Amino acid sequence: MRFFCAAILCLAALPAMAENFNVGVLFWSMNIPGQVAMRHGLEAEAARINAQAKREGKPGVVLTVQVAGDGETGIENQIRQMRELIGQQVDIIIVQPTDNAALSRPLKEANNVGIPVVAYDQYISGGTLAAYRTSDNFQAGFLDGEYIASLVQPDREIRLVLVEYPHVSSTVERVNGFLDALRQSKRSYKVLKTYSAVEAVGGRKAAKEILKDFPAKGSIDVIFTVNDGGGLAVVEGLKAAGRDEISVASVDGDPASVENIRVGRLTVIDSAQFCGPLGAAAMSAAYALLTGESTPYHALVPVFPVTRETLALYPGWLGPIPESYSKPWPSGTPTWSGSLKVVKP
C-alpha cells in the first residue's frame, strides 16, 4: 500500500468537497522508523474514517501533509509549516512537534483564529491544545528500569550511561521513569556520563564518544537509550567494538532492536510503542473534535516491554495491542495492562 504523497493526500478516493473537513497534518521525521509507523497508523485511520463516512453520508477528511525533517532545520521548518496551515484556514491541525517550546507561538496563533490543534507523541509548551495523545513514556522508561533492576544483584552499584534527548517531553519522561524504577527497586546506580542522540547520525556519534570515554571492558554495566532512532546505532557501534558485556535498555520497538533481543545482541529490553495505534488515536481524536463527539483531552497509549521472555506476546508496531498478562520479573505492578490511560477527560 502507498501511504505518502508530496503535499495533499486524499484518502479512499474521497472527493475534495466543501462538506469534507480539511485536516492539516505536520509530521516530524521520515528518517525515524517509529515515526513512519505512526504516520501509517494515522493515515490508515483517516482512510477508515472516510470509508465509514461515505457509507453513512457524513463528512470525511482530506489531509494536507507536510514533513518537518530532523535537527534544527526541522524545527524551523515546522514553525513555518504550521503558520502556512493557519494561513490556509484548515479546519484542524494534527502535529507531531519537533520541539516542545518552538511551536508555542504558532499554537497561540492557531488559538487566536479558532483552529483547534491536536498534538501527538510530544507536547507543546504554551498555548492551548484541543487534545493530546502520546505513548505512556514514563511507563516506557519505568519498565526498562525495573527489568534492569531484576538482572542486577541488590548490593551492586549499576554503572550507567544515558543516551538522552532533552528537547522533547517524551524522551525526558522516559529518563525519569527509568531512574525512578531503579530507585523504587532500591538499586544503587551511578550515571557515569550522558550523551545526546535521537536518530542514527547522533547515535553513531554517541557510540564513538562512549568508546573513547570508556575504552576498558567492564567499565559500563548498562546504557539506557531514549529511543531506537539513536539507540540502534549505539548498539551497532558497541557491537563492532566487541563490547558485548554491556546491557542496553531502549524504547520504541524497532524491529531491528527486537531482533537484537531475540539473538542476544546487547539489547535486553525495549519498551515498544504501539506506533500505529498512537497515530490512529491522534486522527480519531481530531475527527471527534470536528464532529462534536466526546473525546478525552489527554490520553496515553500503553507501551509493551519486549524481552526474551515476552517476545512471543509482542505483535509489532502496528498492533493490535495485546491482552493483559503477568510480568515474568519482580514488579510493584505485576500485571501489564493494554488499556488506554485517560490522564485528563
C-alpha atoms as a PDB file:
ATOM      1  CA  MET A   1       0.000   0.000   0.000  1.00  0.00           C
ATOM      2  CA  ARG A   2       1.275   3.505  -0.814  1.00  0.00           C
ATOM      3  CA  PHE A   3       0.880   5.855   2.161  1.00  0.00           C
ATOM      4  CA  PHE A   4       2.635   9.058   1.180  1.00  0.00           C
ATOM      5  CA  CYS A   5       2.372  11.929  -1.295  1.00  0.00           C
ATOM      6  CA  ALA A   6       4.220  15.226  -1.544  1.00  0.00           C
ATOM      7  CA  ALA A   7       1.605  17.676  -0.363  1.00  0.00           C
ATOM      8  CA  ILE A   8      -2.150  16.907  -0.267  1.00  0.00           C
ATOM      9  CA  LEU A   9      -3.274  13.376   0.479  1.00  0.00           C
ATOM     10  CA  CYS A  10      -6.873  12.436  -0.333  1.00  0.00           C
ATOM     11  CA  LEU A  11      -7.676   9.055   1.135  1.00  0.00           C
ATOM     12  CA  ALA A  12     -10.085   6.373  -0.044  1.00  0.00           C
ATOM     13  CA  ALA A  13     -10.779   8.273  -3.297  1.00  0.00           C
ATOM     14  CA  LEU A  14     -12.691  10.903  -1.338  1.00  0.00           C
ATOM     15  CA  PRO A  15     -13.636  13.943  -3.462  1.00  0.00           C
ATOM     16  CA  ALA A  16     -12.472  17.277  -2.028  1.00  0.00           C
ATOM     17  CA  MET A  17     -15.954  18.704  -1.477  1.00  0.00           C
ATOM     18  CA  ALA A  18     -16.942  21.559   0.810  1.00  0.00           C
ATOM     19  CA  GLU A  19     -18.617  19.267   3.332  1.00  0.00           C
ATOM     20  CA  ASN A  20     -15.373  17.356   3.955  1.00  0.00           C
ATOM     21  CA  PHE A  21     -13.014  18.530   6.700  1.00  0.00           C
ATOM     22  CA  ASN A  22      -9.595  19.864   5.706  1.00  0.00           C
ATOM     23  CA  VAL A  23      -7.105  18.435   8.209  1.00  0.00           C
ATOM     24  CA  GLY A  24      -3.563  19.817   8.277  1.00  0.00           C
ATOM     25  CA  VAL A  25      -1.043  17.203   9.414  1.00  0.00           C
ATOM     26  CA  LEU A  26       2.528  18.056  10.426  1.00  0.00           C
ATOM     27  CA  PHE A  27       4.875  15.095  10.789  1.00  0.00           C
ATOM     28  CA  TRP A  28       8.323  15.352  12.359  1.00  0.00           C
ATOM     29  CA  SER A  29      10.678  12.926  10.604  1.00  0.00           C
ATOM     30  CA  MET A  30      10.524  10.201   7.994  1.00  0.00           C
ATOM     31  CA  ASN A  31      14.035   9.055   8.989  1.00  0.00           C
ATOM     32  CA  ILE A  32      12.938   7.604  12.346  1.00  0.00           C
ATOM     33  CA  PRO A  33      11.135   4.299  11.624  1.00  0.00           C
ATOM     34  CA  GLY A  34       8.817   4.541  14.626  1.00  0.00           C
ATOM     35  CA  GLN A  35       7.554   7.894  13.393  1.00  0.00           C
ATOM     36  CA  VAL A  36       6.967   6.431   9.946  1.00  0.00           C
ATOM     37  CA  ALA A  37       4.833   3.750  11.599  1.00  0.00           C
ATOM     38  CA  MET A  38       2.883   6.466  13.441  1.00  0.00           C
ATOM     39  CA  ARG A  39       2.193   8.092  10.090  1.00  0.00           C
ATOM     40  CA  HIS A  40       0.980   4.785   8.685  1.00  0.00           C
ATOM     41  CA  GLY A  41      -1.427   4.428  11.604  1.00  0.00           C
ATOM     42  CA  LEU A  42      -2.734   7.984  11.269  1.00  0.00           C
ATOM     43  CA  GLU A  43      -3.331   7.684   7.541  1.00  0.00           C
ATOM     44  CA  ALA A  44      -4.896   4.249   7.870  1.00  0.00           C
ATOM     45  CA  GLU A  45      -7.324   5.661  10.452  1.00  0.00           C
ATOM     46  CA  ALA A  46      -8.154   8.544   8.093  1.00  0.00           C
ATOM     47  CA  ALA A  47      -8.911   6.013   5.364  1.00  0.00           C
ATOM     48  CA  ARG A  48     -11.143   4.068   7.772  1.00  0.00           C
ATOM     49  CA  ILE A  49     -12.966   7.262   8.758  1.00  0.00           C
ATOM     50  CA  ASN A  50     -13.529   8.147   5.102  1.00  0.00           C
ATOM     51  CA  ALA A  51     -14.864   4.709   4.247  1.00  0.00           C
ATOM     52  CA  GLN A  52     -17.324   4.846   7.138  1.00  0.00           C
ATOM     53  CA  ALA A  53     -18.291   8.451   6.357  1.00  0.00           C
ATOM     54  CA  LYS A  54     -19.025   7.502   2.752  1.00  0.00           C
ATOM     55  CA  ARG A  55     -21.278   4.644   3.862  1.00  0.00           C
ATOM     56  CA  GLU A  56     -23.137   6.864   6.338  1.00  0.00           C
ATOM     57  CA  GLY A  57     -23.315  10.014   4.221  1.00  0.00           C
ATOM     58  CA  LYS A  58     -21.210  12.007   6.696  1.00  0.00           C
ATOM     59  CA  PRO A  59     -18.289  14.404   6.144  1.00  0.00           C
ATOM     60  CA  GLY A  60     -14.909  12.778   5.624  1.00  0.00           C
ATOM     61  CA  VAL A  61     -11.401  14.180   5.865  1.00  0.00           C
ATOM     62  CA  VAL A  62      -8.853  15.468   3.373  1.00  0.00           C
ATOM     63  CA  LEU A  63      -5.297  15.568   4.717  1.00  0.00           C
ATOM     64  CA  THR A  64      -2.842  18.323   3.881  1.00  0.00           C
ATOM     65  CA  VAL A  65       0.503  16.786   4.835  1.00  0.00           C
ATOM     66  CA  GLN A  66       3.945  18.249   5.481  1.00  0.00           C
ATOM     67  CA  VAL A  67       7.130  16.756   6.982  1.00  0.00           C
ATOM     68  CA  ALA A  68       9.497  18.937   9.013  1.00  0.00           C
ATOM     69  CA  GLY A  69      12.715  16.898   8.921  1.00  0.00           C
ATOM     70  CA  ASP A  70      15.415  16.389  11.519  1.00  0.00           C
ATOM     71  CA  GLY A  71      17.524  18.707  13.683  1.00  0.00           C
ATOM     72  CA  GLU A  72      17.385  22.480  13.988  1.00  0.00           C
ATOM     73  CA  THR A  73      16.323  22.807  10.356  1.00  0.00           C
ATOM     74  CA  GLY A  74      13.344  20.586  11.052  1.00  0.00           C
ATOM     75  CA  ILE A  75      12.289  22.762  13.977  1.00  0.00           C
ATOM     76  CA  GLU A  76      12.377  25.888  11.808  1.00  0.00           C
ATOM     77  CA  ASN A  77      10.554  24.088   9.002  1.00  0.00           C
ATOM     78  CA  GLN A  78       7.733  23.042  11.291  1.00  0.00           C
ATOM     79  CA  ILE A  79       7.213  26.571  12.625  1.00  0.00           C
ATOM     80  CA  ARG A  80       6.817  27.776   9.030  1.00  0.00           C
ATOM     81  CA  GLN A  81       4.619  24.823   8.056  1.00  0.00           C
ATOM     82  CA  MET A  82       2.222  25.359  10.951  1.00  0.00           C
ATOM     83  CA  ARG A  83       1.845  29.014  10.051  1.00  0.00           C
ATOM     84  CA  GLU A  84       1.143  28.032   6.443  1.00  0.00           C
ATOM     85  CA  LEU A  85      -1.676  25.757   7.594  1.00  0.00           C
ATOM     86  CA  ILE A  86      -3.102  28.547   9.731  1.00  0.00           C
ATOM     87  CA  GLY A  87      -2.994  30.810   6.666  1.00  0.00           C
ATOM     88  CA  GLN A  88      -4.849  28.155   4.655  1.00  0.00           C
ATOM     89  CA  GLN A  89      -7.601  28.173   7.316  1.00  0.00           C
ATOM     90  CA  VAL A  90      -7.683  24.401   7.719  1.00  0.00           C
ATOM     91  CA  ASP A  91     -10.384  23.013   9.979  1.00  0.00           C
ATOM     92  CA  ILE A  92      -7.967  21.389  12.413  1.00  0.00           C
ATOM     93  CA  ILE A  93      -4.222  20.748  12.745  1.00  0.00           C
ATOM     94  CA  ILE A  94      -2.631  17.487  13.896  1.00  0.00           C
ATOM     95  CA  VAL A  95       1.043  17.912  14.762  1.00  0.00           C
ATOM     96  CA  GLN A  96       3.900  15.748  15.949  1.00  0.00           C
ATOM     97  CA  PRO A  97       6.084  18.512  17.438  1.00  0.00           C
ATOM     98  CA  THR A  98       9.807  18.613  16.707  1.00  0.00           C
ATOM     99  CA  ASP A  99      10.371  20.677  19.867  1.00  0.00           C
ATOM    100  CA  ASN A 100       8.227  21.327  22.952  1.00  0.00           C
ATOM    101  CA  ALA A 101       8.811  25.067  23.068  1.00  0.00           C
ATOM    102  CA  ALA A 102       9.347  26.074  19.437  1.00  0.00           C
ATOM    103  CA  LEU A 103       5.692  25.731  18.413  1.00  0.00           C
ATOM    104  CA  SER A 104       4.350  27.739  21.340  1.00  0.00           C
ATOM    105  CA  ARG A 105       3.839  30.913  19.309  1.00  0.00           C
ATOM    106  CA  PRO A 106       2.271  29.184  16.272  1.00  0.00           C
ATOM    107  CA  LEU A 107      -0.063  27.298  18.633  1.00  0.00           C
ATOM    108  CA  LYS A 108      -1.169  30.592  20.168  1.00  0.00           C
ATOM    109  CA  GLU A 109      -1.713  31.959  16.639  1.00  0.00           C
ATOM    110  CA  ALA A 110      -3.945  28.974  15.861  1.00  0.00           C
ATOM    111  CA  ASN A 111      -5.805  29.576  19.132  1.00  0.00           C
ATOM    112  CA  ASN A 112      -6.380  33.222  18.159  1.00  0.00           C
ATOM    113  CA  VAL A 113      -8.116  32.306  14.891  1.00  0.00           C
ATOM    114  CA  GLY A 114     -10.073  29.385  16.332  1.00  0.00           C
ATOM    115  CA  ILE A 115      -8.241  26.471  14.679  1.00  0.00           C
ATOM    116  CA  PRO A 116      -8.064  23.516  17.107  1.00  0.00           C
ATOM    117  CA  VAL A 117      -4.713  21.728  17.390  1.00  0.00           C
ATOM    118  CA  VAL A 118      -4.179  18.077  18.327  1.00  0.00           C
ATOM    119  CA  ALA A 119      -0.615  17.162  19.324  1.00  0.00           C
ATOM    120  CA  TYR A 120       0.649  13.606  19.429  1.00  0.00           C
ATOM    121  CA  ASP A 121       3.856  11.955  20.569  1.00  0.00           C
ATOM    122  CA  GLN A 122       5.162  15.258  22.012  1.00  0.00           C
ATOM    123  CA  TYR A 123       3.549  18.113  23.929  1.00  0.00           C
ATOM    124  CA  ILE A 124       3.662  21.840  23.119  1.00  0.00           C
ATOM    125  CA  SER A 125       4.547  24.197  25.972  1.00  0.00           C
ATOM    126  CA  GLY A 126       2.451  27.363  25.772  1.00  0.00           C
ATOM    127  CA  GLY A 127      -0.879  27.892  24.036  1.00  0.00           C
ATOM    128  CA  THR A 128      -3.891  25.586  24.314  1.00  0.00           C
ATOM    129  CA  LEU A 129      -4.185  22.165  22.715  1.00  0.00           C
ATOM    130  CA  ALA A 130      -7.581  20.714  21.862  1.00  0.00           C
ATOM    131  CA  ALA A 131      -6.306  17.193  22.582  1.00  0.00           C
ATOM    132  CA  TYR A 132      -3.043  15.377  23.271  1.00  0.00           C
ATOM    133  CA  ARG A 133      -2.159  11.755  22.553  1.00  0.00           C
ATOM    134  CA  THR A 134       1.131  10.104  23.342  1.00  0.00           C
ATOM    135  CA  SER A 135       2.641   6.809  24.386  1.00  0.00           C
ATOM    136  CA  ASP A 136       2.988   6.258  28.106  1.00  0.00           C
ATOM    137  CA  ASN A 137       6.598   7.432  28.046  1.00  0.00           C
ATOM    138  CA  PHE A 138       7.130   7.369  31.790  1.00  0.00           C
ATOM    139  CA  GLN A 139       5.897   3.775  31.743  1.00  0.00           C
ATOM    140  CA  ALA A 140       8.372   3.006  28.935  1.00  0.00           C
ATOM    141  CA  GLY A 141      11.335   4.136  30.991  1.00  0.00           C
ATOM    142  CA  PHE A 142       9.963   2.564  34.154  1.00  0.00           C
ATOM    143  CA  LEU A 143       9.523  -0.852  32.527  1.00  0.00           C
ATOM    144  CA  ASP A 144      13.105  -0.707  31.287  1.00  0.00           C
ATOM    145  CA  GLY A 145      14.357   0.291  34.743  1.00  0.00           C
ATOM    146  CA  GLU A 146      12.521  -2.394  36.689  1.00  0.00           C
ATOM    147  CA  TYR A 147      13.700  -5.078  34.263  1.00  0.00           C
ATOM    148  CA  ILE A 148      17.317  -3.918  34.519  1.00  0.00           C
ATOM    149  CA  ALA A 149      16.929  -3.905  38.316  1.00  0.00           C
ATOM    150  CA  SER A 150      15.801  -7.536  38.179  1.00  0.00           C
ATOM    151  CA  LEU A 151      19.044  -8.511  36.407  1.00  0.00           C
ATOM    152  CA  VAL A 152      21.407  -6.890  38.922  1.00  0.00           C
ATOM    153  CA  GLN A 153      22.363  -8.078  42.392  1.00  0.00           C
ATOM    154  CA  PRO A 154      20.767  -5.823  45.050  1.00  0.00           C
ATOM    155  CA  ASP A 155      24.113  -4.879  46.634  1.00  0.00           C
ATOM    156  CA  ARG A 156      25.797  -3.900  43.362  1.00  0.00           C
ATOM    157  CA  GLU A 157      26.081  -0.316  42.105  1.00  0.00           C
ATOM    158  CA  ILE A 158      24.984  -0.049  38.465  1.00  0.00           C
ATOM    159  CA  ARG A 159      27.435   1.915  36.325  1.00  0.00           C
ATOM    160  CA  LEU A 160      25.059   3.669  33.966  1.00  0.00           C
ATOM    161  CA  VAL A 161      25.357   5.727  30.768  1.00  0.00           C
ATOM    162  CA  LEU A 162      22.370   7.706  29.448  1.00  0.00           C
ATOM    163  CA  VAL A 163      21.835   8.482  25.768  1.00  0.00           C
ATOM    164  CA  GLU A 164      19.091  11.074  26.054  1.00  0.00           C
ATOM    165  CA  TYR A 165      17.385  13.926  24.162  1.00  0.00           C
ATOM    166  CA  PRO A 166      16.223  16.724  26.465  1.00  0.00           C
ATOM    167  CA  HIS A 167      14.350  18.770  23.831  1.00  0.00           C
ATOM    168  CA  VAL A 168      11.005  16.938  23.861  1.00  0.00           C
ATOM    169  CA  SER A 169       8.728  15.782  26.652  1.00  0.00           C
ATOM    170  CA  SER A 170       8.566  12.121  25.628  1.00  0.00           C
ATOM    171  CA  THR A 171      12.283  11.421  25.948  1.00  0.00           C
ATOM    172  CA  VAL A 172      12.588  13.373  29.203  1.00  0.00           C
ATOM    173  CA  GLU A 173       9.743  11.316  30.690  1.00  0.00           C
ATOM    174  CA  ARG A 174      11.486   8.083  29.628  1.00  0.00           C
ATOM    175  CA  VAL A 175      14.652   9.010  31.513  1.00  0.00           C
ATOM    176  CA  ASN A 176      12.604   9.999  34.564  1.00  0.00           C
ATOM    177  CA  GLY A 177      10.741   6.690  34.501  1.00  0.00           C
ATOM    178  CA  PHE A 178      13.931   4.655  34.134  1.00  0.00           C
ATOM    179  CA  LEU A 179      15.679   6.299  37.074  1.00  0.00           C
ATOM    180  CA  ASP A 180      12.535   6.196  39.222  1.00  0.00           C
ATOM    181  CA  ALA A 181      12.270   2.437  38.666  1.00  0.00           C
ATOM    182  CA  LEU A 182      15.863   1.917  39.792  1.00  0.00           C
ATOM    183  CA  ARG A 183      15.208   3.975  42.924  1.00  0.00           C
ATOM    184  CA  GLN A 184      11.938   2.191  43.715  1.00  0.00           C
ATOM    185  CA  SER A 185      13.708  -1.136  43.246  1.00  0.00           C
ATOM    186  CA  LYS A 186      16.298   0.089  45.752  1.00  0.00           C
ATOM    187  CA  ARG A 187      19.137  -0.368  43.258  1.00  0.00           C
ATOM    188  CA  SER A 188      22.185   1.823  43.702  1.00  0.00           C
ATOM    189  CA  TYR A 189      23.408   3.421  40.475  1.00  0.00           C
ATOM    190  CA  LYS A 190      25.898   5.977  39.221  1.00  0.00           C
ATOM    191  CA  VAL A 191      25.378   7.934  35.999  1.00  0.00           C
ATOM    192  CA  LEU A 192      28.866   7.936  34.511  1.00  0.00           C
ATOM    193  CA  LYS A 193      28.055  10.305  31.647  1.00  0.00           C
ATOM    194  CA  THR A 194      25.218  11.448  29.399  1.00  0.00           C
ATOM    195  CA  TYR A 195      25.166  11.781  25.615  1.00  0.00           C
ATOM    196  CA  SER A 196      22.547  13.113  23.204  1.00  0.00           C
ATOM    197  CA  ALA A 197      21.066  11.167  20.290  1.00  0.00           C
ATOM    198  CA  VAL A 198      17.637  10.558  18.829  1.00  0.00           C
ATOM    199  CA  GLU A 199      18.487   9.466  15.278  1.00  0.00           C
ATOM    200  CA  ALA A 200      21.166   7.414  13.523  1.00  0.00           C
ATOM    201  CA  VAL A 201      23.717  10.176  12.930  1.00  0.00           C
ATOM    202  CA  GLY A 202      23.591  11.221  16.578  1.00  0.00           C
ATOM    203  CA  GLY A 203      23.686   7.588  17.665  1.00  0.00           C
ATOM    204  CA  ARG A 204      26.837   6.837  15.693  1.00  0.00           C
ATOM    205  CA  LYS A 205      28.485   9.919  17.172  1.00  0.00           C
ATOM    206  CA  ALA A 206      27.419   8.909  20.695  1.00  0.00           C
ATOM    207  CA  ALA A 207      28.818   5.388  20.203  1.00  0.00           C
ATOM    208  CA  LYS A 208      32.215   6.771  19.176  1.00  0.00           C
ATOM    209  CA  GLU A 209      32.270   9.104  22.182  1.00  0.00           C
ATOM    210  CA  ILE A 210      31.261   6.325  24.590  1.00  0.00           C
ATOM    211  CA  LEU A 211      34.025   4.061  23.299  1.00  0.00           C
ATOM    212  CA  LYS A 212      36.539   6.897  23.575  1.00  0.00           C
ATOM    213  CA  ASP A 213      35.458   7.864  27.104  1.00  0.00           C
ATOM    214  CA  PHE A 214      35.151   4.281  28.403  1.00  0.00           C
ATOM    215  CA  PRO A 215      37.626   2.146  26.429  1.00  0.00           C
ATOM    216  CA  ALA A 216      38.047  -0.593  29.050  1.00  0.00           C
ATOM    217  CA  LYS A 217      35.776  -3.620  29.008  1.00  0.00           C
ATOM    218  CA  GLY A 218      33.664  -3.819  32.146  1.00  0.00           C
ATOM    219  CA  SER A 219      33.710  -0.050  32.749  1.00  0.00           C
ATOM    220  CA  ILE A 220      29.976   0.281  31.894  1.00  0.00           C
ATOM    221  CA  ASP A 221      27.199  -2.017  33.066  1.00  0.00           C
ATOM    222  CA  VAL A 222      24.122  -0.522  31.387  1.00  0.00           C
ATOM    223  CA  ILE A 223      23.327   2.014  28.675  1.00  0.00           C
ATOM    224  CA  PHE A 224      19.820   3.446  28.531  1.00  0.00           C
ATOM    225  CA  THR A 225      18.921   4.950  25.147  1.00  0.00           C
ATOM    226  CA  VAL A 226      15.748   7.009  24.958  1.00  0.00           C
ATOM    227  CA  ASN A 227      14.777   5.683  21.532  1.00  0.00           C
ATOM    228  CA  ASP A 228      15.809   3.221  18.860  1.00  0.00           C
ATOM    229  CA  GLY A 229      16.338   6.014  16.340  1.00  0.00           C
ATOM    230  CA  GLY A 230      19.655   6.749  18.026  1.00  0.00           C
ATOM    231  CA  GLY A 231      19.930   3.637  20.176  1.00  0.00           C
ATOM    232  CA  LEU A 232      20.315   1.155  17.343  1.00  0.00           C
ATOM    233  CA  ALA A 233      23.377   2.998  16.059  1.00  0.00           C
ATOM    234  CA  VAL A 234      24.807   2.946  19.587  1.00  0.00           C
ATOM    235  CA  VAL A 235      24.340  -0.836  19.735  1.00  0.00           C
ATOM    236  CA  GLU A 236      25.921  -1.261  16.297  1.00  0.00           C
ATOM    237  CA  GLY A 237      28.958   0.770  17.325  1.00  0.00           C
ATOM    238  CA  LEU A 238      29.419  -1.107  20.596  1.00  0.00           C
ATOM    239  CA  LYS A 239      28.946  -4.488  18.930  1.00  0.00           C
ATOM    240  CA  ALA A 240      31.538  -3.678  16.261  1.00  0.00           C
ATOM    241  CA  ALA A 241      33.991  -2.789  19.045  1.00  0.00           C
ATOM    242  CA  GLY A 242      33.350  -6.089  20.844  1.00  0.00           C
ATOM    243  CA  ARG A 243      31.658  -4.520  23.875  1.00  0.00           C
ATOM    244  CA  ASP A 244      29.200  -7.382  24.380  1.00  0.00           C
ATOM    245  CA  GLU A 245      29.449  -7.113  28.163  1.00  0.00           C
ATOM    246  CA  ILE A 246      27.222  -4.015  28.168  1.00  0.00           C
ATOM    247  CA  SER A 247      23.442  -4.393  28.610  1.00  0.00           C
ATOM    248  CA  VAL A 248      21.334  -1.924  26.641  1.00  0.00           C
ATOM    249  CA  ALA A 249      17.795  -0.854  27.521  1.00  0.00           C
ATOM    250  CA  SER A 250      15.901   1.132  24.915  1.00  0.00           C
ATOM    251  CA  VAL A 251      12.469   2.439  23.883  1.00  0.00           C
ATOM    252  CA  ASP A 252      10.460   2.249  20.638  1.00  0.00           C
ATOM    253  CA  GLY A 253      10.216  -1.370  19.498  1.00  0.00           C
ATOM    254  CA  ASP A 254      12.036  -1.002  16.193  1.00  0.00           C
ATOM    255  CA  PRO A 255      12.079  -4.440  14.500  1.00  0.00           C
ATOM    256  CA  ALA A 256      15.894  -4.314  14.382  1.00  0.00           C
ATOM    257  CA  SER A 257      16.018  -3.767  18.136  1.00  0.00           C
ATOM    258  CA  VAL A 258      13.551  -6.598  18.716  1.00  0.00           C
ATOM    259  CA  GLU A 259      15.826  -8.829  16.638  1.00  0.00           C
ATOM    260  CA  ASN A 260      18.791  -7.769  18.788  1.00  0.00           C
ATOM    261  CA  ILE A 261      16.873  -9.026  21.820  1.00  0.00           C
ATOM    262  CA  ARG A 262      15.992 -12.250  20.038  1.00  0.00           C
ATOM    263  CA  VAL A 263      19.631 -13.104  19.229  1.00  0.00           C
ATOM    264  CA  GLY A 264      21.162 -11.688  22.427  1.00  0.00           C
ATOM    265  CA  ARG A 265      22.942  -8.725  20.815  1.00  0.00           C
ATOM    266  CA  LEU A 266      23.466  -6.268  23.743  1.00  0.00           C
ATOM    267  CA  THR A 267      19.838  -5.081  23.976  1.00  0.00           C
ATOM    268  CA  VAL A 268      17.967  -6.847  26.793  1.00  0.00           C
ATOM    269  CA  ILE A 269      14.718  -4.829  26.874  1.00  0.00           C
ATOM    270  CA  ASP A 270      12.951  -2.450  24.533  1.00  0.00           C
ATOM    271  CA  SER A 271       9.743  -0.815  25.736  1.00  0.00           C
ATOM    272  CA  ALA A 272       7.891  -0.806  22.435  1.00  0.00           C
ATOM    273  CA  GLN A 273       5.449   1.851  21.389  1.00  0.00           C
ATOM    274  CA  PHE A 274       2.332   0.878  19.520  1.00  0.00           C
ATOM    275  CA  CYS A 275       3.174   3.444  16.872  1.00  0.00           C
ATOM    276  CA  GLY A 276       0.316   2.663  14.518  1.00  0.00           C
ATOM    277  CA  PRO A 277      -2.367   2.839  17.236  1.00  0.00           C
ATOM    278  CA  LEU A 278      -0.809   6.096  18.503  1.00  0.00           C
ATOM    279  CA  GLY A 279      -1.102   7.778  15.093  1.00  0.00           C
ATOM    280  CA  ALA A 280      -4.626   6.404  14.775  1.00  0.00           C
ATOM    281  CA  ALA A 281      -5.554   7.782  18.208  1.00  0.00           C
ATOM    282  CA  ALA A 282      -4.496  11.286  17.140  1.00  0.00           C
ATOM    283  CA  MET A 283      -6.570  11.097  13.954  1.00  0.00           C
ATOM    284  CA  SER A 284      -9.543   9.677  15.849  1.00  0.00           C
ATOM    285  CA  ALA A 285      -9.377  12.489  18.421  1.00  0.00           C
ATOM    286  CA  ALA A 286      -9.241  15.111  15.683  1.00  0.00           C
ATOM    287  CA  TYR A 287     -12.279  13.685  13.903  1.00  0.00           C
ATOM    288  CA  ALA A 288     -14.215  13.514  17.177  1.00  0.00           C
ATOM    289  CA  LEU A 289     -13.486  17.189  17.782  1.00  0.00           C
ATOM    290  CA  LEU A 290     -14.562  18.106  14.244  1.00  0.00           C
ATOM    291  CA  THR A 291     -17.853  16.252  14.579  1.00  0.00           C
ATOM    292  CA  GLY A 292     -18.659  17.376  18.129  1.00  0.00           C
ATOM    293  CA  GLU A 293     -18.168  13.950  19.690  1.00  0.00           C
ATOM    294  CA  SER A 294     -16.711  13.409  23.156  1.00  0.00           C
ATOM    295  CA  THR A 295     -13.005  12.579  23.369  1.00  0.00           C
ATOM    296  CA  PRO A 296     -10.516  12.763  26.264  1.00  0.00           C
ATOM    297  CA  TYR A 297      -8.230  15.771  26.335  1.00  0.00           C
ATOM    298  CA  HIS A 298      -5.126  13.765  27.352  1.00  0.00           C
ATOM    299  CA  ALA A 299      -4.775  10.007  26.941  1.00  0.00           C
ATOM    300  CA  LEU A 300      -1.811   7.626  26.902  1.00  0.00           C
ATOM    301  CA  VAL A 301      -1.303   4.622  24.642  1.00  0.00           C
ATOM    302  CA  PRO A 302       0.427   1.807  26.607  1.00  0.00           C
ATOM    303  CA  VAL A 303       3.902   0.551  25.750  1.00  0.00           C
ATOM    304  CA  PHE A 304       4.994  -3.080  25.728  1.00  0.00           C
ATOM    305  CA  PRO A 305       8.166  -4.390  27.435  1.00  0.00           C
ATOM    306  CA  VAL A 306       9.861  -6.591  24.843  1.00  0.00           C
ATOM    307  CA  THR A 307      12.332  -9.013  26.431  1.00  0.00           C
ATOM    308  CA  ARG A 308      13.387 -12.557  25.591  1.00  0.00           C
ATOM    309  CA  GLU A 309      10.647 -13.710  27.967  1.00  0.00           C
ATOM    310  CA  THR A 310       7.871 -11.690  26.261  1.00  0.00           C
ATOM    311  CA  LEU A 311       8.858 -11.846  22.580  1.00  0.00           C
ATOM    312  CA  ALA A 312       6.055 -14.232  21.685  1.00  0.00           C
ATOM    313  CA  LEU A 313       3.432 -11.806  23.050  1.00  0.00           C
ATOM    314  CA  TYR A 314       4.573  -8.721  21.118  1.00  0.00           C
ATOM    315  CA  PRO A 315       2.635  -8.126  17.843  1.00  0.00           C
ATOM    316  CA  GLY A 316       4.788  -5.314  16.444  1.00  0.00           C
ATOM    317  CA  TRP A 317       4.442  -1.570  15.977  1.00  0.00           C
ATOM    318  CA  LEU A 318       1.110  -1.666  14.190  1.00  0.00           C
ATOM    319  CA  GLY A 319      -0.570  -3.729  16.907  1.00  0.00           C
ATOM    320  CA  PRO A 320      -3.112  -4.828  17.835  1.00  0.00           C
ATOM    321  CA  ILE A 321      -2.468  -4.057  21.498  1.00  0.00           C
ATOM    322  CA  PRO A 322      -2.329  -7.402  23.384  1.00  0.00           C
ATOM    323  CA  GLU A 323      -4.395  -8.506  26.356  1.00  0.00           C
ATOM    324  CA  SER A 324      -3.068  -8.005  29.883  1.00  0.00           C
ATOM    325  CA  TYR A 325      -0.528 -10.510  31.225  1.00  0.00           C
ATOM    326  CA  SER A 326       1.643 -11.153  34.290  1.00  0.00           C
ATOM    327  CA  LYS A 327       5.214  -9.860  34.028  1.00  0.00           C
ATOM    328  CA  PRO A 328       7.828 -12.626  34.342  1.00  0.00           C
ATOM    329  CA  TRP A 329      10.070 -10.499  36.601  1.00  0.00           C
ATOM    330  CA  PRO A 330       9.623  -8.824  40.008  1.00  0.00           C
ATOM    331  CA  SER A 331       7.492  -5.686  39.818  1.00  0.00           C
ATOM    332  CA  GLY A 332       5.447  -3.439  42.058  1.00  0.00           C
ATOM    333  CA  THR A 333       2.730  -3.681  39.376  1.00  0.00           C
ATOM    334  CA  PRO A 334       2.948  -7.347  38.366  1.00  0.00           C
ATOM    335  CA  THR A 335       0.230  -7.166  35.678  1.00  0.00           C
ATOM    336  CA  TRP A 336       0.866  -5.362  32.388  1.00  0.00           C
ATOM    337  CA  SER A 337      -2.290  -3.684  31.066  1.00  0.00           C
ATOM    338  CA  GLY A 338      -3.027  -2.828  27.431  1.00  0.00           C
ATOM    339  CA  SER A 339      -5.733  -0.270  28.214  1.00  0.00           C
ATOM    340  CA  LEU A 340      -5.678   3.350  27.054  1.00  0.00           C
ATOM    341  CA  LYS A 341      -4.962   5.511  30.091  1.00  0.00           C
ATOM    342  CA  VAL A 342      -7.029   8.676  30.342  1.00  0.00           C
ATOM    343  CA  VAL A 343      -5.000  11.326  32.170  1.00  0.00           C
ATOM    344  CA  LYS A 344      -7.482  14.184  31.723  1.00  0.00           C
ATOM    345  CA  PRO A 345     -11.044  13.752  30.364  1.00  0.00           C
END
